[in-house]
Amino acid sequence: MVYLGMRKWKLFFVTVLVLGTIAFGLFSGKDVTPNEEVRIGYFLGGRTNLIYRAYINGYFDKEGVDVRLYTKYLRDPEVFEISKDVRTADVVDGKSFGKMSGIEIVEGIMRGDFDAGTIGESSFVSSISKGLPLVAVAQLGYEEAPGKAIVMRTDVVITSLEDFKGKTLISRRAGPGDSIFLREFIRDIGLDAEDIDIIDQVDEIDATNWIKSGEIDGGLYHLRTARRLVKGGYAYIYRPMDWMNSWVSHSVLVFRKEYAEDNPENVQKVVNAYMKRVRYEKDLLDSEKDSSWGRAGGMVGEFMGMQIPAYDTFPRVSIGILNEIKRLLFAYGKIENDVDIKNYIDNRFVERIYRELKKESPSK
């Protein structure tokens, strides 16, 4: 009998244990340390840009969740997975990038193509009013100050409210929210929607080209497009969106209800990564923040009374703000059914990681 010392026996035992564990993983067909995949339908914009920055900077990987973002080019039906090497928010290979609408994302979730999505407030309320099984788990970016404005073509002179009559105004291609915001402006200045020629659901390319060519007189534009048109001499800012609470314009992170119920640990990891990226950016010095935006957004901070969206370190989904959206959607005939919004919100994931982060000292 061969005698082994105590130290050698321990080494022998540990080796056998490790090899056995690896063998079990191999023969059972399981990865020993798997990262669960979560497929997220994504539109790229100011209110969702931070999810994108968490993605390309590895925040989801650090939480042990394999997030895949999917989107499409404007006017292109093909949906594709976004490479983490892409560092631009506007144009890739000459195409407008990240232009999948909230309604398209919801349709993808219902088909089973995605587990989750980043959608606007109006797309969310419109969808759940139809009984679609979604749950909002975090509020993303929101317009703390106006992020939109009524923009008019340079040669269109408005000296009185009567001058708006007969003008052609547009709202962008999105959920029903922007079309309502435009009509709220018309109501606020004392006119009726019938006094204006309104074109809704106009995509970014046409919204830019039509004002340059003179086909339209103006419309409700987002900061980025408005800034380009004004700086190019094609248009001027008539009025930032101050006729209603700008906070109603926000985005939410939604999951299919069944997925969230069956995979709460994955949802938690996604929310954890997002909130840790929020905290990181909140900790940045002012001199560092612009470069952080620029690496994955090309955003601008302020322009003529408008600002880029803000993000909260405690991004609970607001029932009150969503109820205001529901009221507007119902008033303008965009939804037919009432819906109890609280049944489609789960803030527990945000609350859980917020308590944990609060115990820690801020760090980068």
Protein backbone atom coordinates (compact mmCIF):
# COMPACT_ATOMS: atom_id res chain seq x y z
CA MET A 1 0.00 0.00 0.00
CA VAL A 2 1.35 3.36 -1.00
CA TYR A 3 1.27 5.93 1.77
CA LEU A 4 0.27 9.53 0.93
CA GLY A 5 0.86 12.37 3.36
CA MET A 6 -2.07 14.42 4.61
CA ARG A 7 -1.23 17.35 2.32
CA LYS A 8 -1.07 15.06 -0.73
CA TRP A 9 -4.39 13.45 0.20
CA LYS A 10 -6.00 16.88 0.32
CA LEU A 11 -4.54 17.80 -3.04
CA PHE A 12 -5.74 14.48 -4.50
CA PHE A 13 -9.26 14.99 -3.13
CA VAL A 14 -9.56 18.55 -4.43
CA THR A 15 -8.31 17.50 -7.89
CA VAL A 16 -10.86 14.69 -8.10
CA LEU A 17 -13.64 17.07 -6.98
CA VAL A 18 -12.77 19.70 -9.59
CA LEU A 19 -12.43 17.15 -12.40
CA GLY A 20 -15.72 15.56 -11.38
CA THR A 21 -17.51 18.91 -11.46
CA ILE A 22 -16.16 19.67 -14.94
CA ALA A 23 -17.06 16.20 -16.17
CA PHE A 24 -20.60 16.56 -14.82
CA GLY A 25 -20.97 19.82 -16.68
CA LEU A 26 -19.65 18.31 -19.91
CA PHE A 27 -21.70 15.12 -19.81
CA SER A 28 -24.88 16.82 -18.68
CA GLY A 29 -24.59 19.22 -21.62
CA LYS A 30 -24.66 22.26 -19.32
CA ASP A 31 -22.30 25.21 -19.16
CA VAL A 32 -20.87 25.41 -15.67
CA THR A 33 -21.26 29.21 -15.53
CA PRO A 34 -23.94 30.18 -18.05
CA ASN A 35 -25.10 33.73 -18.68
CA GLU A 36 -28.82 33.84 -19.40
CA GLU A 37 -29.71 35.52 -22.68
CA VAL A 38 -32.23 38.37 -22.66
CA ARG A 39 -33.41 39.75 -26.02
CA ILE A 40 -34.42 43.42 -25.93
CA GLY A 41 -36.11 45.27 -28.78
CA TYR A 42 -34.58 48.72 -28.89
CA PHE A 43 -35.08 52.15 -30.40
CA LEU A 44 -32.19 54.55 -30.11
CA GLY A 45 -33.02 58.00 -28.81
CA GLY A 46 -32.34 60.43 -26.02
CA ARG A 47 -34.71 58.73 -23.59
CA THR A 48 -33.20 55.25 -24.14
CA ASN A 49 -29.57 56.11 -24.82
CA LEU A 50 -28.35 55.10 -21.38
CA ILE A 51 -29.47 51.50 -21.89
CA TYR A 52 -27.29 51.54 -24.99
CA ARG A 53 -24.31 52.92 -23.10
CA ALA A 54 -24.74 50.25 -20.42
CA TYR A 55 -24.74 47.69 -23.26
CA ILE A 56 -21.60 48.79 -25.09
CA ASN A 57 -19.68 49.38 -21.86
CA GLY A 58 -20.25 45.89 -20.48
CA TYR A 59 -22.60 46.63 -17.57
CA PHE A 60 -24.94 43.73 -18.37
CA ASP A 61 -22.00 41.36 -18.74
CA LYS A 62 -20.79 42.34 -15.28
CA GLU A 63 -24.18 41.33 -13.84
CA GLY A 64 -23.94 37.91 -15.49
CA VAL A 65 -26.71 38.42 -18.04
CA ASP A 66 -26.24 38.10 -21.79
CA VAL A 67 -28.29 41.03 -23.07
CA ARG A 68 -28.79 41.26 -26.82
CA LEU A 69 -30.18 44.51 -28.25
CA TYR A 70 -32.13 44.31 -31.50
CA THR A 71 -33.16 47.17 -33.76
CA LYS A 72 -33.53 48.17 -37.42
CA TYR A 73 -32.62 50.93 -39.82
CA LEU A 74 -35.22 53.50 -40.78
CA ARG A 75 -37.29 52.28 -43.76
CA ASP A 76 -35.64 48.87 -43.61
CA PRO A 77 -37.78 45.92 -42.43
CA GLU A 78 -34.87 43.72 -41.34
CA VAL A 79 -34.27 43.49 -37.59
CA PHE A 80 -30.68 42.81 -36.50
CA GLU A 81 -28.61 42.42 -33.35
CA ILE A 82 -26.63 45.52 -32.44
CA SER A 83 -22.88 45.01 -32.26
CA LYS A 84 -21.22 46.27 -29.10
CA ASP A 85 -18.57 47.83 -31.32
CA VAL A 86 -21.04 50.36 -32.74
CA ARG A 87 -20.34 53.70 -31.07
CA THR A 88 -22.64 55.99 -33.03
CA ALA A 89 -26.24 56.84 -32.34
CA ASP A 90 -27.29 58.49 -35.56
CA VAL A 91 -26.11 57.00 -38.82
CA VAL A 92 -24.35 53.73 -39.65
CA ASP A 93 -23.26 53.07 -43.24
CA GLY A 94 -25.33 56.02 -44.38
CA LYS A 95 -28.55 54.71 -42.78
CA SER A 96 -30.55 56.09 -39.86
CA PHE A 97 -29.76 53.64 -37.07
CA GLY A 98 -31.90 52.31 -34.23
CA LYS A 99 -35.24 53.32 -35.73
CA MET A 100 -37.59 50.63 -34.49
CA SER A 101 -40.79 52.18 -33.16
CA GLY A 102 -42.41 51.28 -29.86
CA ILE A 103 -45.33 49.61 -31.63
CA GLU A 104 -42.91 47.50 -33.69
CA ILE A 105 -41.08 46.50 -30.51
CA VAL A 106 -44.32 45.48 -28.81
CA GLU A 107 -45.29 43.43 -31.86
CA GLY A 108 -41.89 41.70 -31.63
CA ILE A 109 -42.43 40.91 -27.96
CA MET A 110 -45.86 39.45 -28.71
CA ARG A 111 -44.41 37.27 -31.50
CA GLY A 112 -41.76 35.98 -29.11
CA ASP A 113 -38.86 37.63 -30.95
CA PHE A 114 -37.95 39.68 -27.85
CA ASP A 115 -38.25 39.17 -24.11
CA ALA A 116 -38.30 42.89 -23.39
CA GLY A 117 -38.22 46.31 -25.03
CA THR A 118 -37.65 50.02 -24.60
CA ILE A 119 -40.84 51.84 -25.56
CA GLY A 120 -42.40 55.23 -25.12
CA GLU A 121 -45.10 56.05 -22.62
CA SER A 122 -47.90 56.24 -25.20
CA SER A 123 -46.99 52.95 -26.87
CA PHE A 124 -47.04 51.31 -23.45
CA VAL A 125 -50.45 52.64 -22.38
CA SER A 126 -51.93 51.99 -25.82
CA SER A 127 -50.69 48.39 -25.72
CA ILE A 128 -51.93 47.52 -22.24
CA SER A 129 -55.30 49.12 -23.01
CA LYS A 130 -55.67 46.29 -25.54
CA GLY A 131 -54.86 43.75 -22.82
CA LEU A 132 -51.38 42.90 -24.10
CA PRO A 133 -49.36 41.10 -21.38
CA LEU A 134 -46.64 43.64 -20.66
CA VAL A 135 -45.11 44.82 -17.40
CA ALA A 136 -43.05 47.99 -16.96
CA VAL A 137 -40.13 47.47 -14.58
CA ALA A 138 -38.20 50.75 -14.82
CA GLN A 139 -38.59 54.28 -16.09
CA LEU A 140 -35.86 55.22 -18.53
CA GLY A 141 -35.14 58.76 -19.72
CA TYR A 142 -37.72 61.52 -19.29
CA GLU A 143 -37.99 65.13 -20.38
CA GLU A 144 -37.32 67.03 -17.18
CA ALA A 145 -37.35 70.17 -19.34
CA PRO A 146 -38.84 70.42 -22.83
CA GLY A 147 -37.09 68.15 -25.30
CA LYS A 148 -39.36 69.11 -28.17
CA ALA A 149 -40.52 72.35 -29.76
CA ILE A 150 -42.79 73.80 -32.39
CA VAL A 151 -40.43 74.53 -35.26
CA MET A 152 -41.41 76.73 -38.20
CA ARG A 153 -39.81 77.15 -41.61
CA THR A 154 -37.62 80.25 -41.77
CA ASP A 155 -39.80 82.05 -44.32
CA VAL A 156 -43.06 81.35 -42.46
CA VAL A 157 -43.90 84.48 -40.45
CA ILE A 158 -46.25 84.14 -37.47
CA THR A 159 -47.37 87.52 -36.17
CA SER A 160 -50.70 86.37 -34.71
CA LEU A 161 -52.37 83.09 -33.89
CA GLU A 162 -54.55 83.52 -36.96
CA ASP A 163 -51.41 83.02 -39.03
CA PHE A 164 -51.40 79.35 -38.02
CA LYS A 165 -54.71 78.72 -39.79
CA GLY A 166 -54.21 76.71 -42.95
CA LYS A 167 -50.60 75.88 -42.14
CA THR A 168 -49.28 72.33 -42.55
CA LEU A 169 -47.72 70.91 -39.36
CA ILE A 170 -46.31 67.46 -38.71
CA SER A 171 -45.69 65.11 -35.80
CA ARG A 172 -43.06 62.40 -35.88
CA ARG A 173 -43.29 58.69 -36.56
CA ALA A 174 -43.72 57.14 -33.12
CA GLY A 175 -46.49 56.05 -30.81
CA PRO A 176 -49.58 58.26 -30.55
CA GLY A 177 -48.00 60.62 -28.01
CA ASP A 178 -46.46 63.22 -30.31
CA SER A 179 -49.63 63.62 -32.35
CA ILE A 180 -51.48 64.38 -29.11
CA PHE A 181 -48.79 66.81 -27.91
CA LEU A 182 -49.12 68.72 -31.20
CA ARG A 183 -52.90 68.90 -30.86
CA GLU A 184 -52.53 70.07 -27.26
CA PHE A 185 -50.42 72.95 -28.57
CA ILE A 186 -53.13 73.87 -31.08
CA ARG A 187 -55.75 73.73 -28.33
CA ASP A 188 -53.52 75.81 -26.03
CA ILE A 189 -53.29 78.68 -28.55
CA GLY A 190 -57.06 78.72 -28.93
CA LEU A 191 -57.44 77.01 -32.30
CA ASP A 192 -59.07 73.76 -33.38
CA ALA A 193 -57.22 70.88 -35.00
CA GLU A 194 -59.44 71.42 -38.05
CA ASP A 195 -57.83 74.84 -38.52
CA ILE A 196 -54.48 73.15 -39.27
CA ASP A 197 -53.45 70.63 -41.91
CA ILE A 198 -51.83 67.96 -39.70
CA ILE A 199 -49.68 65.10 -40.96
CA ASP A 200 -48.86 62.48 -38.32
CA GLN A 201 -46.32 59.64 -38.22
CA VAL A 202 -43.68 61.40 -40.33
CA ASP A 203 -40.27 59.75 -40.19
CA GLU A 204 -37.07 61.65 -39.47
CA ILE A 205 -35.88 61.84 -43.07
CA ASP A 206 -39.14 63.33 -44.37
CA ALA A 207 -39.46 65.62 -41.35
CA THR A 208 -36.10 67.12 -42.31
CA ASN A 209 -36.46 67.12 -46.09
CA TRP A 210 -40.01 68.45 -46.21
CA ILE A 211 -39.19 71.56 -44.22
CA LYS A 212 -36.11 72.17 -46.38
CA SER A 213 -38.13 71.83 -49.59
CA GLY A 214 -41.03 73.93 -48.34
CA GLU A 215 -43.57 71.10 -48.51
CA ILE A 216 -44.60 71.78 -44.91
CA ASP A 217 -44.63 74.87 -42.71
CA GLY A 218 -43.40 73.29 -39.49
CA GLY A 219 -44.34 70.89 -36.74
CA LEU A 220 -43.41 69.33 -33.44
CA TYR A 221 -39.71 68.43 -33.60
CA HIS A 222 -37.28 66.81 -31.19
CA LEU A 223 -34.24 68.72 -30.01
CA ARG A 224 -31.71 66.96 -32.20
CA THR A 225 -33.55 67.46 -35.49
CA ALA A 226 -34.67 70.97 -34.52
CA ARG A 227 -31.10 71.94 -33.73
CA ARG A 228 -29.85 70.77 -37.12
CA LEU A 229 -32.60 72.63 -38.99
CA VAL A 230 -32.08 75.86 -37.06
CA LYS A 231 -28.30 75.78 -37.37
CA GLY A 232 -28.69 75.05 -41.08
CA GLY A 233 -30.85 78.14 -41.51
CA TYR A 234 -33.95 76.22 -42.57
CA ALA A 235 -36.14 76.84 -39.54
CA TYR A 236 -36.58 78.64 -36.23
CA ILE A 237 -37.89 77.65 -32.82
CA TYR A 238 -41.36 79.10 -32.36
CA ARG A 239 -42.00 77.65 -28.89
CA PRO A 240 -40.48 74.90 -26.73
CA MET A 241 -43.03 72.37 -25.45
CA ASP A 242 -44.08 74.36 -22.37
CA TRP A 243 -47.85 74.05 -22.88
CA MET A 244 -47.96 70.81 -20.90
CA ASN A 245 -45.90 68.87 -18.36
CA SER A 246 -42.81 67.77 -20.28
CA TRP A 247 -42.38 64.82 -17.88
CA VAL A 248 -45.20 62.96 -19.62
CA SER A 249 -42.71 62.30 -22.43
CA HIS A 250 -40.64 59.38 -21.17
CA SER A 251 -39.73 55.78 -21.92
CA VAL A 252 -40.11 52.58 -19.96
CA LEU A 253 -38.37 49.22 -19.91
CA VAL A 254 -41.01 46.54 -20.38
CA PHE A 255 -40.97 42.76 -20.27
CA ARG A 256 -43.50 40.24 -21.40
CA LYS A 257 -45.40 39.42 -18.20
CA GLU A 258 -44.90 35.68 -18.48
CA TYR A 259 -41.15 36.10 -18.97
CA ALA A 260 -40.83 38.39 -15.92
CA GLU A 261 -42.79 35.93 -13.78
CA ASP A 262 -40.73 32.93 -14.91
CA ASN A 263 -37.32 34.67 -14.94
CA PRO A 264 -37.29 37.30 -12.18
CA GLU A 265 -33.55 36.86 -11.64
CA ASN A 266 -32.84 37.90 -15.24
CA VAL A 267 -35.09 40.94 -14.96
CA GLN A 268 -33.31 41.90 -11.76
CA LYS A 269 -29.88 41.66 -13.40
CA VAL A 270 -30.99 43.85 -16.30
CA VAL A 271 -32.38 46.49 -13.93
CA ASN A 272 -29.25 46.26 -11.77
CA ALA A 273 -26.98 46.96 -14.74
CA TYR A 274 -29.09 49.87 -15.93
CA MET A 275 -29.21 51.54 -12.51
CA LYS A 276 -25.49 51.07 -11.95
CA ARG A 277 -24.82 52.84 -15.23
CA VAL A 278 -27.14 55.66 -14.13
CA ARG A 279 -25.18 55.99 -10.90
CA TYR A 280 -21.88 55.98 -12.78
CA GLU A 281 -22.97 58.82 -15.02
CA LYS A 282 -24.40 60.81 -12.12
CA ASP A 283 -20.97 60.60 -10.48
CA LEU A 284 -19.15 61.99 -13.52
CA LEU A 285 -17.72 65.47 -13.37
CA ASP A 286 -19.41 68.00 -15.65
CA SER A 287 -16.30 68.05 -17.83
CA GLU A 288 -16.61 64.28 -18.30
CA LYS A 289 -20.33 64.09 -19.04
CA ASP A 290 -20.23 65.48 -22.57
CA SER A 291 -17.65 62.91 -23.64
CA SER A 292 -19.75 60.16 -22.07
CA TRP A 293 -22.72 61.23 -24.17
CA GLY A 294 -20.56 61.61 -27.25
CA ARG A 295 -19.10 58.10 -27.09
CA ALA A 296 -22.52 56.60 -27.70
CA GLY A 297 -25.01 59.24 -28.49
CA GLY A 298 -23.95 62.39 -30.26
CA MET A 299 -26.39 64.19 -28.02
CA VAL A 300 -26.34 67.89 -27.18
CA GLY A 301 -27.07 69.28 -23.74
CA GLU A 302 -29.20 72.40 -24.21
CA PHE A 303 -30.52 74.36 -27.15
CA MET A 304 -32.86 77.35 -27.16
CA GLY A 305 -35.00 76.32 -24.20
CA MET A 306 -34.76 72.58 -24.83
CA GLN A 307 -32.68 69.95 -23.02
CA ILE A 308 -31.67 66.33 -23.49
CA PRO A 309 -33.60 63.80 -21.36
CA ALA A 310 -32.73 63.21 -17.72
CA TYR A 311 -32.30 59.92 -15.82
CA ASP A 312 -33.08 59.10 -12.19
CA THR A 313 -31.01 56.99 -9.82
CA PHE A 314 -34.36 55.72 -8.47
CA PRO A 315 -36.26 55.11 -11.73
CA ARG A 316 -39.62 53.91 -10.42
CA VAL A 317 -42.35 53.79 -13.03
CA SER A 318 -44.84 56.58 -12.27
CA ILE A 319 -48.49 55.53 -12.20
CA GLY A 320 -49.56 59.18 -11.94
CA ILE A 321 -47.79 60.29 -15.12
CA LEU A 322 -48.99 57.24 -17.04
CA ASN A 323 -52.55 57.95 -15.91
CA GLU A 324 -52.20 61.44 -17.39
CA ILE A 325 -51.12 59.86 -20.68
CA LYS A 326 -54.09 57.50 -20.47
CA ARG A 327 -56.43 60.48 -20.00
CA LEU A 328 -55.01 62.20 -23.09
CA LEU A 329 -55.09 59.05 -25.21
CA PHE A 330 -58.72 58.48 -24.27
CA ALA A 331 -59.68 62.13 -24.86
CA TYR A 332 -58.22 62.06 -28.37
CA GLY A 333 -59.74 58.69 -29.26
CA LYS A 334 -56.40 56.85 -29.38
CA ILE A 335 -57.61 54.18 -26.94
CA GLU A 336 -61.10 52.83 -26.38
CA ASN A 337 -60.77 50.87 -23.14
CA ASP A 338 -59.93 52.01 -19.64
CA VAL A 339 -57.10 50.13 -17.99
CA ASP A 340 -55.85 49.88 -14.41
CA ILE A 341 -52.22 50.81 -15.00
CA LYS A 342 -50.95 49.59 -11.64
CA ASN A 343 -51.65 46.02 -12.76
CA TYR A 344 -48.99 46.46 -15.46
CA ILE A 345 -46.21 47.94 -13.31
CA ASP A 346 -43.70 46.14 -11.09
CA ASN A 347 -41.33 48.49 -9.27
CA ARG A 348 -39.93 45.80 -6.98
CA PHE A 349 -36.82 45.27 -9.10
CA VAL A 350 -35.91 48.95 -8.96
CA GLU A 351 -36.65 49.17 -5.25
CA ARG A 352 -34.54 46.10 -4.46
CA ILE A 353 -31.33 47.24 -6.15
CA TYR A 354 -31.87 50.83 -5.02
CA ARG A 355 -31.76 49.71 -1.38
CA GLU A 356 -28.53 47.84 -2.06
CA LEU A 357 -26.87 50.72 -3.90
CA LYS A 358 -27.89 53.14 -1.17
CA LYS A 359 -25.85 51.15 1.34
CA GLU A 360 -22.75 51.47 -0.82
CA SER A 361 -20.63 54.56 -1.20
CA PRO A 362 -20.85 56.10 -4.70
CA SER A 363 -18.12 54.81 -6.93
CA LYS A 364 -17.23 54.69 -10.58
